[in-house]
Amino acid sequence: MKKLYRQGDVLIMPVKSIPSDLTQTKRVTLALGEVTGHHHSIADGAVGFAEREDNLADYFEVTSQSADLTHQEHDTITLPKGKYRKIIQVEYTPQAIVNVAD
């Protein structure tokens, strides 16, 4: 069974491969706080890949032995070498499915 990681509204899931049609990001930022400006990021040891133009990594690969996922209000999570997918938690309302505000 694969180990999942969660930091606030961000779920990190190991994957076997990263889609080949994604754009490499300049840094590995997984999510930005809508209210506070805080961010879920990996400073060193990883490469990110984005699906959209916002340049937030949807997939990433930890290329060193491990890398730290940090956020200003959450504990740091150390991720081992490997490939990962980011999933943002959503909430259901009768009107729409919306991203959880961090």
PDB file of N, CA and C in Angstrom:
ATOM      1  N   MET A   1       0.838  -1.175   0.000  1.00  0.00           N
ATOM      2  CA  MET A   1       0.000   0.000   0.000  1.00  0.00           C
ATOM      3  C   MET A   1       0.890   1.249   0.000  1.00  0.00           C
ATOM      4  N   LYS A   2       0.530   2.237  -0.816  1.00  0.00           N
ATOM      5  CA  LYS A   2       1.297   3.468  -0.904  1.00  0.00           C
ATOM      6  C   LYS A   2       1.011   4.350   0.303  1.00  0.00           C
ATOM      7  N   LYS A   3       2.047   5.049   0.770  1.00  0.00           N
ATOM      8  CA  LYS A   3       1.874   5.984   1.866  1.00  0.00           C
ATOM      9  C   LYS A   3       1.427   7.329   1.314  1.00  0.00           C
ATOM     10  N   LEU A   4       0.363   7.875   1.890  1.00  0.00           N
ATOM     11  CA  LEU A   4      -0.130   9.199   1.513  1.00  0.00           C
ATOM     12  C   LEU A   4       0.356  10.221   2.527  1.00  0.00           C
ATOM     13  N   TYR A   5       0.499  11.453   2.078  1.00  0.00           N
ATOM     14  CA  TYR A   5       0.942  12.548   2.947  1.00  0.00           C
ATOM     15  C   TYR A   5      -0.080  13.670   2.841  1.00  0.00           C
ATOM     16  N   ARG A   6      -0.365  14.328   3.961  1.00  0.00           N
ATOM     17  CA  ARG A   6      -1.292  15.457   3.944  1.00  0.00           C
ATOM     18  C   ARG A   6      -0.679  16.611   4.726  1.00  0.00           C
ATOM     19  N   GLN A   7      -0.768  17.801   4.129  1.00  0.00           N
ATOM     20  CA  GLN A   7      -0.347  19.030   4.802  1.00  0.00           C
ATOM     21  C   GLN A   7      -1.453  20.049   4.569  1.00  0.00           C
ATOM     22  N   GLY A   8      -2.293  20.246   5.586  1.00  0.00           N
ATOM     23  CA  GLY A   8      -3.436  21.138   5.429  1.00  0.00           C
ATOM     24  C   GLY A   8      -4.380  20.630   4.367  1.00  0.00           C
ATOM     25  N   ASP A   9      -4.668  21.470   3.362  1.00  0.00           N
ATOM     26  CA  ASP A   9      -5.589  21.094   2.289  1.00  0.00           C
ATOM     27  C   ASP A   9      -4.908  20.409   1.110  1.00  0.00           C
ATOM     28  N   VAL A  10      -3.623  20.066   1.243  1.00  0.00           N
ATOM     29  CA  VAL A  10      -2.862  19.439   0.166  1.00  0.00           C
ATOM     30  C   VAL A  10      -2.609  17.972   0.497  1.00  0.00           C
ATOM     31  N   LEU A  11      -3.031  17.088  -0.405  1.00  0.00           N
ATOM     32  CA  LEU A  11      -2.768  15.651  -0.296  1.00  0.00           C
ATOM     33  C   LEU A  11      -1.666  15.298  -1.282  1.00  0.00           C
ATOM     34  N   ILE A  12      -0.673  14.554  -0.823  1.00  0.00           N
ATOM     35  CA  ILE A  12       0.438  14.115  -1.670  1.00  0.00           C
ATOM     36  C   ILE A  12       0.332  12.607  -1.825  1.00  0.00           C
ATOM     37  N   MET A  13       0.291  12.147  -3.086  1.00  0.00           N
ATOM     38  CA  MET A  13       0.103  10.747  -3.379  1.00  0.00           C
ATOM     39  C   MET A  13       1.241  10.247  -4.272  1.00  0.00           C
ATOM     40  N   PRO A  14       1.951   9.185  -3.872  1.00  0.00           N
ATOM     41  CA  PRO A  14       2.982   8.632  -4.749  1.00  0.00           C
ATOM     42  C   PRO A  14       2.366   8.100  -6.044  1.00  0.00           C
ATOM     43  N   VAL A  15       3.078   8.270  -7.159  1.00  0.00           N
ATOM     44  CA  VAL A  15       2.636   7.759  -8.458  1.00  0.00           C
ATOM     45  C   VAL A  15       3.791   7.020  -9.123  1.00  0.00           C
ATOM     46  N   LYS A  16       3.453   6.154 -10.075  1.00  0.00           N
ATOM     47  CA  LYS A  16       4.484   5.403 -10.798  1.00  0.00           C
ATOM     48  C   LYS A  16       5.179   6.252 -11.852  1.00  0.00           C
ATOM     49  N   SER A  17       4.415   7.177 -12.466  1.00  0.00           N
ATOM     50  CA  SER A  17       5.004   8.015 -13.516  1.00  0.00           C
ATOM     51  C   SER A  17       4.326   9.379 -13.533  1.00  0.00           C
ATOM     52  N   ILE A  18       4.989  10.311 -14.193  1.00  0.00           N
ATOM     53  CA  ILE A  18       4.477  11.676 -14.356  1.00  0.00           C
ATOM     54  C   ILE A  18       4.110  11.853 -15.825  1.00  0.00           C
ATOM     55  N   PRO A  19       2.918  12.387 -16.131  1.00  0.00           N
ATOM     56  CA  PRO A  19       2.541  12.579 -17.534  1.00  0.00           C
ATOM     57  C   PRO A  19       3.610  13.364 -18.300  1.00  0.00           C
ATOM     58  N   SER A  20       3.857  12.949 -19.521  1.00  0.00           N
ATOM     59  CA  SER A  20       4.939  13.543 -20.307  1.00  0.00           C
ATOM     60  C   SER A  20       4.574  14.884 -20.934  1.00  0.00           C
ATOM     61  N   ASP A  21       3.300  15.280 -20.930  1.00  0.00           N
ATOM     62  CA  ASP A  21       2.897  16.513 -21.608  1.00  0.00           C
ATOM     63  C   ASP A  21       2.825  17.727 -20.679  1.00  0.00           C
ATOM     64  N   LEU A  22       3.404  17.637 -19.483  1.00  0.00           N
ATOM     65  CA  LEU A  22       3.364  18.739 -18.529  1.00  0.00           C
ATOM     66  C   LEU A  22       4.555  19.669 -18.711  1.00  0.00           C
ATOM     67  N   THR A  23       4.414  20.897 -18.231  1.00  0.00           N
ATOM     68  CA  THR A  23       5.473  21.897 -18.297  1.00  0.00           C
ATOM     69  C   THR A  23       6.264  21.884 -16.998  1.00  0.00           C
ATOM     70  N   GLN A  24       7.594  21.893 -17.100  1.00  0.00           N
ATOM     71  CA  GLN A  24       8.422  21.938 -15.892  1.00  0.00           C
ATOM     72  C   GLN A  24       8.302  23.306 -15.241  1.00  0.00           C
ATOM     73  N   THR A  25       8.157  23.320 -13.915  1.00  0.00           N
ATOM     74  CA  THR A  25       8.012  24.574 -13.187  1.00  0.00           C
ATOM     75  C   THR A  25       9.372  25.099 -12.752  1.00  0.00           C
ATOM     76  N   LYS A  26       9.449  26.394 -12.454  1.00  0.00           N
ATOM     77  CA  LYS A  26      10.704  26.998 -12.006  1.00  0.00           C
ATOM     78  C   LYS A  26      11.010  26.635 -10.563  1.00  0.00           C
ATOM     79  N   ARG A  27       9.974  26.448  -9.768  1.00  0.00           N
ATOM     80  CA  ARG A  27      10.145  26.016  -8.379  1.00  0.00           C
ATOM     81  C   ARG A  27       8.968  25.112  -8.036  1.00  0.00           C
ATOM     82  N   VAL A  28       9.090  24.375  -6.961  1.00  0.00           N
ATOM     83  CA  VAL A  28       8.041  23.431  -6.594  1.00  0.00           C
ATOM     84  C   VAL A  28       7.147  24.073  -5.528  1.00  0.00           C
ATOM     85  N   THR A  29       6.160  24.815  -6.003  1.00  0.00           N
ATOM     86  CA  THR A  29       5.116  25.369  -5.147  1.00  0.00           C
ATOM     87  C   THR A  29       3.843  24.621  -5.490  1.00  0.00           C
ATOM     88  N   LEU A  30       3.249  23.982  -4.483  1.00  0.00           N
ATOM     89  CA  LEU A  30       2.076  23.149  -4.720  1.00  0.00           C
ATOM     90  C   LEU A  30       0.775  23.908  -4.571  1.00  0.00           C
ATOM     91  N   ALA A  31       0.738  24.874  -3.656  1.00  0.00           N
ATOM     92  CA  ALA A  31      -0.493  25.640  -3.426  1.00  0.00           C
ATOM     93  C   ALA A  31      -0.148  26.966  -2.757  1.00  0.00           C
ATOM     94  N   LEU A  32      -0.963  27.965  -3.041  1.00  0.00           N
ATOM     95  CA  LEU A  32      -0.834  29.283  -2.424  1.00  0.00           C
ATOM     96  C   LEU A  32      -2.053  29.552  -1.556  1.00  0.00           C
ATOM     97  N   GLY A  33      -1.835  30.142  -0.389  1.00  0.00           N
ATOM     98  CA  GLY A  33      -2.948  30.516   0.481  1.00  0.00           C
ATOM     99  C   GLY A  33      -3.697  31.693  -0.097  1.00  0.00           C
ATOM    100  N   GLU A  34      -5.011  31.559  -0.227  1.00  0.00           N
ATOM    101  CA  GLU A  34      -5.829  32.612  -0.815  1.00  0.00           C
ATOM    102  C   GLU A  34      -5.937  33.820   0.105  1.00  0.00           C
ATOM    103  N   VAL A  35      -5.890  33.598   1.404  1.00  0.00           N
ATOM    104  CA  VAL A  35      -6.102  34.663   2.383  1.00  0.00           C
ATOM    105  C   VAL A  35      -4.773  35.182   2.933  1.00  0.00           C
ATOM    106  N   THR A  36      -3.883  34.288   3.316  1.00  0.00           N
ATOM    107  CA  THR A  36      -2.668  34.668   4.038  1.00  0.00           C
ATOM    108  C   THR A  36      -1.441  34.884   3.167  1.00  0.00           C
ATOM    109  N   GLY A  37      -1.440  34.322   1.966  1.00  0.00           N
ATOM    110  CA  GLY A  37      -0.245  34.386   1.132  1.00  0.00           C
ATOM    111  C   GLY A  37       0.769  33.307   1.461  1.00  0.00           C
ATOM    112  N   HIS A  38       0.452  32.433   2.420  1.00  0.00           N
ATOM    113  CA  HIS A  38       1.334  31.314   2.734  1.00  0.00           C
ATOM    114  C   HIS A  38       1.351  30.334   1.566  1.00  0.00           C
ATOM    115  N   HIS A  39       2.325  29.435   1.565  1.00  0.00           N
ATOM    116  CA  HIS A  39       2.448  28.508   0.445  1.00  0.00           C
ATOM    117  C   HIS A  39       2.976  27.154   0.902  1.00  0.00           C
ATOM    118  N   HIS A  40       2.571  26.119   0.174  1.00  0.00           N
ATOM    119  CA  HIS A  40       3.080  24.760   0.348  1.00  0.00           C
ATOM    120  C   HIS A  40       4.175  24.605  -0.711  1.00  0.00           C
ATOM    121  N   SER A  41       5.433  24.476  -0.282  1.00  0.00           N
ATOM    122  CA  SER A  41       6.550  24.482  -1.228  1.00  0.00           C
ATOM    123  C   SER A  41       7.659  23.538  -0.809  1.00  0.00           C
ATOM    124  N   ILE A  42       8.444  23.141  -1.821  1.00  0.00           N
ATOM    125  CA  ILE A  42       9.677  22.391  -1.595  1.00  0.00           C
ATOM    126  C   ILE A  42      10.801  23.261  -2.126  1.00  0.00           C
ATOM    127  N   ALA A  43      11.729  23.639  -1.260  1.00  0.00           N
ATOM    128  CA  ALA A  43      12.789  24.570  -1.652  1.00  0.00           C
ATOM    129  C   ALA A  43      13.880  23.889  -2.487  1.00  0.00           C
ATOM    130  N   ASP A  44      14.317  22.722  -2.062  1.00  0.00           N
ATOM    131  CA  ASP A  44      15.436  22.045  -2.731  1.00  0.00           C
ATOM    132  C   ASP A  44      15.170  20.554  -2.852  1.00  0.00           C
ATOM    133  N   GLY A  45      15.764  19.948  -3.875  1.00  0.00           N
ATOM    134  CA  GLY A  45      15.736  18.497  -3.994  1.00  0.00           C
ATOM    135  C   GLY A  45      14.574  17.932  -4.766  1.00  0.00           C
ATOM    136  N   ALA A  46      13.819  18.795  -5.491  1.00  0.00           N
ATOM    137  CA  ALA A  46      12.678  18.296  -6.252  1.00  0.00           C
ATOM    138  C   ALA A  46      12.487  19.115  -7.524  1.00  0.00           C
ATOM    139  N   VAL A  47      11.806  18.514  -8.498  1.00  0.00           N
ATOM    140  CA  VAL A  47      11.462  19.168  -9.759  1.00  0.00           C
ATOM    141  C   VAL A  47       9.952  19.077  -9.906  1.00  0.00           C
ATOM    142  N   GLY A  48       9.295  20.195 -10.264  1.00  0.00           N
ATOM    143  CA  GLY A  48       7.843  20.218 -10.391  1.00  0.00           C
ATOM    144  C   GLY A  48       7.391  20.252 -11.836  1.00  0.00           C
ATOM    145  N   PHE A  49       6.142  19.804 -12.048  1.00  0.00           N
ATOM    146  CA  PHE A  49       5.538  19.786 -13.371  1.00  0.00           C
ATOM    147  C   PHE A  49       4.103  20.270 -13.257  1.00  0.00           C
ATOM    148  N   ALA A  50       3.694  21.196 -14.147  1.00  0.00           N
ATOM    149  CA  ALA A  50       2.379  21.826 -14.049  1.00  0.00           C
ATOM    150  C   ALA A  50       1.509  21.491 -15.250  1.00  0.00           C
ATOM    151  N   GLU A  51       0.190  21.413 -14.994  1.00  0.00           N
ATOM    152  CA  GLU A  51      -0.797  21.207 -16.057  1.00  0.00           C
ATOM    153  C   GLU A  51      -1.332  22.530 -16.572  1.00  0.00           C
ATOM    154  N   ARG A  52      -1.373  23.528 -15.695  1.00  0.00           N
ATOM    155  CA  ARG A  52      -2.020  24.795 -16.029  1.00  0.00           C
ATOM    156  C   ARG A  52      -1.000  25.928 -16.099  1.00  0.00           C
ATOM    157  N   GLU A  53      -1.459  27.094 -16.500  1.00  0.00           N
ATOM    158  CA  GLU A  53      -0.578  28.245 -16.647  1.00  0.00           C
ATOM    159  C   GLU A  53      -0.229  28.928 -15.326  1.00  0.00           C
ATOM    160  N   ASP A  54      -0.870  28.538 -14.202  1.00  0.00           N
ATOM    161  CA  ASP A  54      -0.576  29.204 -12.927  1.00  0.00           C
ATOM    162  C   ASP A  54       0.791  28.813 -12.368  1.00  0.00           C
ATOM    163  N   ASN A  55       1.457  27.847 -13.009  1.00  0.00           N
ATOM    164  CA  ASN A  55       2.811  27.418 -12.656  1.00  0.00           C
ATOM    165  C   ASN A  55       2.894  26.754 -11.278  1.00  0.00           C
ATOM    166  N   LEU A  56       1.757  26.339 -10.712  1.00  0.00           N
ATOM    167  CA  LEU A  56       1.780  25.547  -9.486  1.00  0.00           C
ATOM    168  C   LEU A  56       1.947  24.085  -9.867  1.00  0.00           C
ATOM    169  N   ALA A  57       2.828  23.401  -9.178  1.00  0.00           N
ATOM    170  CA  ALA A  57       3.133  22.020  -9.533  1.00  0.00           C
ATOM    171  C   ALA A  57       1.962  21.096  -9.216  1.00  0.00           C
ATOM    172  N   ASP A  58       1.541  20.319 -10.206  1.00  0.00           N
ATOM    173  CA  ASP A  58       0.505  19.307 -10.023  1.00  0.00           C
ATOM    174  C   ASP A  58       1.148  17.952  -9.749  1.00  0.00           C
ATOM    175  N   TYR A  59       2.308  17.742 -10.328  1.00  0.00           N
ATOM    176  CA  TYR A  59       3.127  16.552 -10.118  1.00  0.00           C
ATOM    177  C   TYR A  59       4.527  17.033  -9.779  1.00  0.00           C
ATOM    178  N   PHE A  60       5.272  16.224  -9.060  1.00  0.00           N
ATOM    179  CA  PHE A  60       6.670  16.568  -8.817  1.00  0.00           C
ATOM    180  C   PHE A  60       7.458  15.305  -8.534  1.00  0.00           C
ATOM    181  N   GLU A  61       8.767  15.440  -8.696  1.00  0.00           N
ATOM    182  CA  GLU A  61       9.667  14.330  -8.412  1.00  0.00           C
ATOM    183  C   GLU A  61      10.714  14.799  -7.426  1.00  0.00           C
ATOM    184  N   VAL A  62      10.838  14.068  -6.326  1.00  0.00           N
ATOM    185  CA  VAL A  62      11.918  14.310  -5.371  1.00  0.00           C
ATOM    186  C   VAL A  62      13.134  13.606  -5.951  1.00  0.00           C
ATOM    187  N   THR A  63      14.132  14.394  -6.339  1.00  0.00           N
ATOM    188  CA  THR A  63      15.303  13.860  -7.026  1.00  0.00           C
ATOM    189  C   THR A  63      16.466  13.572  -6.076  1.00  0.00           C
ATOM    190  N   SER A  64      16.472  14.193  -4.912  1.00  0.00           N
ATOM    191  CA  SER A  64      17.496  13.885  -3.909  1.00  0.00           C
ATOM    192  C   SER A  64      16.962  12.766  -3.014  1.00  0.00           C
ATOM    193  N   GLN A  65      17.722  12.362  -2.020  1.00  0.00           N
ATOM    194  CA  GLN A  65      17.294  11.274  -1.123  1.00  0.00           C
ATOM    195  C   GLN A  65      15.983  11.606  -0.423  1.00  0.00           C
ATOM    196  N   SER A  66      15.770  12.882  -0.117  1.00  0.00           N
ATOM    197  CA  SER A  66      14.520  13.339   0.486  1.00  0.00           C
ATOM    198  C   SER A  66      14.409  14.844   0.263  1.00  0.00           C
ATOM    199  N   ALA A  67      13.199  15.356   0.469  1.00  0.00           N
ATOM    200  CA  ALA A  67      12.962  16.793   0.333  1.00  0.00           C
ATOM    201  C   ALA A  67      11.875  17.191   1.326  1.00  0.00           C
ATOM    202  N   ASP A  68      11.975  18.412   1.839  1.00  0.00           N
ATOM    203  CA  ASP A  68      11.032  18.898   2.837  1.00  0.00           C
ATOM    204  C   ASP A  68       9.930  19.738   2.204  1.00  0.00           C
ATOM    205  N   LEU A  69       8.677  19.354   2.477  1.00  0.00           N
ATOM    206  CA  LEU A  69       7.515  20.133   2.096  1.00  0.00           C
ATOM    207  C   LEU A  69       7.193  21.053   3.265  1.00  0.00           C
ATOM    208  N   THR A  70       7.243  22.361   3.034  1.00  0.00           N
ATOM    209  CA  THR A  70       7.060  23.322   4.125  1.00  0.00           C
ATOM    210  C   THR A  70       5.827  24.190   3.903  1.00  0.00           C
ATOM    211  N   HIS A  71       5.330  24.726   5.001  1.00  0.00           N
ATOM    212  CA  HIS A  71       4.230  25.688   5.019  1.00  0.00           C
ATOM    213  C   HIS A  71       4.376  26.470   6.314  1.00  0.00           C
ATOM    214  N   GLN A  72       4.029  27.724   6.283  1.00  0.00           N
ATOM    215  CA  GLN A  72       4.236  28.595   7.428  1.00  0.00           C
ATOM    216  C   GLN A  72       3.389  28.218   8.649  1.00  0.00           C
ATOM    217  N   GLU A  73       2.292  27.512   8.474  1.00  0.00           N
ATOM    218  CA  GLU A  73       1.414  27.171   9.599  1.00  0.00           C
ATOM    219  C   GLU A  73       1.281  25.677   9.860  1.00  0.00           C
ATOM    220  N   HIS A  74       1.986  24.845   9.095  1.00  0.00           N
ATOM    221  CA  HIS A  74       1.888  23.397   9.254  1.00  0.00           C
ATOM    222  C   HIS A  74       3.272  22.813   9.526  1.00  0.00           C
ATOM    223  N   ASP A  75       3.291  21.631  10.108  1.00  0.00           N
ATOM    224  CA  ASP A  75       4.560  20.934  10.322  1.00  0.00           C
ATOM    225  C   ASP A  75       5.192  20.590   8.977  1.00  0.00           C
ATOM    226  N   THR A  76       6.515  20.589   8.935  1.00  0.00           N
ATOM    227  CA  THR A  76       7.250  20.183   7.738  1.00  0.00           C
ATOM    228  C   THR A  76       7.102  18.683   7.556  1.00  0.00           C
ATOM    229  N   ILE A  77       6.934  18.260   6.298  1.00  0.00           N
ATOM    230  CA  ILE A  77       6.846  16.845   5.957  1.00  0.00           C
ATOM    231  C   ILE A  77       8.061  16.505   5.109  1.00  0.00           C
ATOM    232  N   THR A  78       8.798  15.480   5.487  1.00  0.00           N
ATOM    233  CA  THR A  78       9.935  15.022   4.698  1.00  0.00           C
ATOM    234  C   THR A  78       9.472  13.903   3.781  1.00  0.00           C
ATOM    235  N   LEU A  79       9.635  14.134   2.478  1.00  0.00           N
ATOM    236  CA  LEU A  79       9.209  13.166   1.471  1.00  0.00           C
ATOM    237  C   LEU A  79      10.419  12.409   0.941  1.00  0.00           C
ATOM    238  N   PRO A  80      10.341  11.082   0.841  1.00  0.00           N
ATOM    239  CA  PRO A  80      11.456  10.317   0.284  1.00  0.00           C
ATOM    240  C   PRO A  80      11.520  10.465  -1.240  1.00  0.00           C
ATOM    241  N   LYS A  81      12.650  10.089  -1.805  1.00  0.00           N
ATOM    242  CA  LYS A  81      12.858  10.130  -3.249  1.00  0.00           C
ATOM    243  C   LYS A  81      11.717   9.393  -3.945  1.00  0.00           C
ATOM    244  N   GLY A  82      11.195   9.996  -5.021  1.00  0.00           N
ATOM    245  CA  GLY A  82      10.115   9.367  -5.768  1.00  0.00           C
ATOM    246  C   GLY A  82       9.296  10.386  -6.535  1.00  0.00           C
ATOM    247  N   LYS A  83       8.251   9.881  -7.198  1.00  0.00           N
ATOM    248  CA  LYS A  83       7.341  10.716  -7.990  1.00  0.00           C
ATOM    249  C   LYS A  83       6.025  10.843  -7.236  1.00  0.00           C
ATOM    250  N   TYR A  84       5.408  12.052  -7.327  1.00  0.00           N
ATOM    251  CA  TYR A  84       4.221  12.343  -6.549  1.00  0.00           C
ATOM    252  C   TYR A  84       3.216  13.168  -7.349  1.00  0.00           C
ATOM    253  N   ARG A  85       1.966  13.075  -6.928  1.00  0.00           N
ATOM    254  CA  ARG A  85       0.892  13.903  -7.463  1.00  0.00           C
ATOM    255  C   ARG A  85       0.272  14.686  -6.318  1.00  0.00           C
ATOM    256  N   LYS A  86      -0.061  15.951  -6.570  1.00  0.00           N
ATOM    257  CA  LYS A  86      -0.717  16.806  -5.585  1.00  0.00           C
ATOM    258  C   LYS A  86      -2.211  16.831  -5.865  1.00  0.00           C
ATOM    259  N   ILE A  87      -3.002  16.714  -4.801  1.00  0.00           N
ATOM    260  CA  ILE A  87      -4.454  16.843  -4.910  1.00  0.00           C
ATOM    261  C   ILE A  87      -4.898  17.852  -3.861  1.00  0.00           C
ATOM    262  N   ILE A  88      -5.666  18.855  -4.275  1.00  0.00           N
ATOM    263  CA  ILE A  88      -6.168  19.882  -3.357  1.00  0.00           C
ATOM    264  C   ILE A  88      -7.535  19.438  -2.847  1.00  0.00           C
ATOM    265  N   GLN A  89      -7.735  19.517  -1.543  1.00  0.00           N
ATOM    266  CA  GLN A  89      -9.011  19.148  -0.937  1.00  0.00           C
ATOM    267  C   GLN A  89     -10.100  20.091  -1.427  1.00  0.00           C
ATOM    268  N   VAL A  90     -11.257  19.530  -1.719  1.00  0.00           N
ATOM    269  CA  VAL A  90     -12.410  20.322  -2.128  1.00  0.00           C
ATOM    270  C   VAL A  90     -13.566  20.060  -1.168  1.00  0.00           C
ATOM    271  N   GLU A  91     -14.524  20.955  -1.173  1.00  0.00           N
ATOM    272  CA  GLU A  91     -15.710  20.748  -0.364  1.00  0.00           C
ATOM    273  C   GLU A  91     -16.937  20.874  -1.252  1.00  0.00           C
ATOM    274  N   TYR A  92     -17.950  20.103  -0.926  1.00  0.00           N
ATOM    275  CA  TYR A  92     -19.178  20.110  -1.705  1.00  0.00           C
ATOM    276  C   TYR A  92     -20.199  21.053  -1.079  1.00  0.00           C
ATOM    277  N   THR A  93     -20.792  21.873  -1.907  1.00  0.00           N
ATOM    278  CA  THR A  93     -21.965  22.643  -1.522  1.00  0.00           C
ATOM    279  C   THR A  93     -23.014  22.367  -2.599  1.00  0.00           C
ATOM    280  N   PRO A  94     -24.288  22.575  -2.322  1.00  0.00           N
ATOM    281  CA  PRO A  94     -25.303  22.317  -3.350  1.00  0.00           C
ATOM    282  C   PRO A  94     -25.081  23.153  -4.630  1.00  0.00           C
ATOM    283  N   GLN A  95     -24.438  24.305  -4.496  1.00  0.00           N
ATOM    284  CA  GLN A  95     -24.223  25.174  -5.650  1.00  0.00           C
ATOM    285  C   GLN A  95     -23.020  24.753  -6.499  1.00  0.00           C
ATOM    286  N   ALA A  96     -21.952  24.245  -5.838  1.00  0.00           N
ATOM    287  CA  ALA A  96     -20.738  23.921  -6.585  1.00  0.00           C
ATOM    288  C   ALA A  96     -19.758  23.162  -5.707  1.00  0.00           C
ATOM    289  N   ILE A  97     -18.769  22.556  -6.353  1.00  0.00           N
ATOM    290  CA  ILE A  97     -17.633  21.984  -5.637  1.00  0.00           C
ATOM    291  C   ILE A  97     -16.557  23.046  -5.654  1.00  0.00           C
ATOM    292  N   VAL A  98     -16.039  23.406  -4.480  1.00  0.00           N
ATOM    293  CA  VAL A  98     -15.065  24.501  -4.379  1.00  0.00           C
ATOM    294  C   VAL A  98     -13.827  24.037  -3.637  1.00  0.00           C
ATOM    295  N   ASN A  99     -12.672  24.663  -3.953  1.00  0.00           N
ATOM    296  CA  ASN A  99     -11.444  24.381  -3.222  1.00  0.00           C
ATOM    297  C   ASN A  99     -11.566  24.884  -1.791  1.00  0.00           C
ATOM    298  N   VAL A 100     -10.978  24.164  -0.876  1.00  0.00           N
ATOM    299  CA  VAL A 100     -10.949  24.587   0.515  1.00  0.00           C
ATOM    300  C   VAL A 100     -10.001  25.770   0.630  1.00  0.00           C
ATOM    301  N   ALA A 101     -10.376  26.814   1.311  1.00  0.00           N
ATOM    302  CA  ALA A 101      -9.510  27.987   1.510  1.00  0.00           C
ATOM    303  C   ALA A 101      -8.533  27.694   2.614  1.00  0.00           C
ATOM    304  N   ASP A 102      -7.249  27.948   2.377  1.00  0.00           N
ATOM    305  CA  ASP A 102      -6.200  27.688   3.358  1.00  0.00           C
ATOM    306  C   ASP A 102      -5.782  28.993   3.998  1.00  0.00           C
TER     307      ASP A 102
END
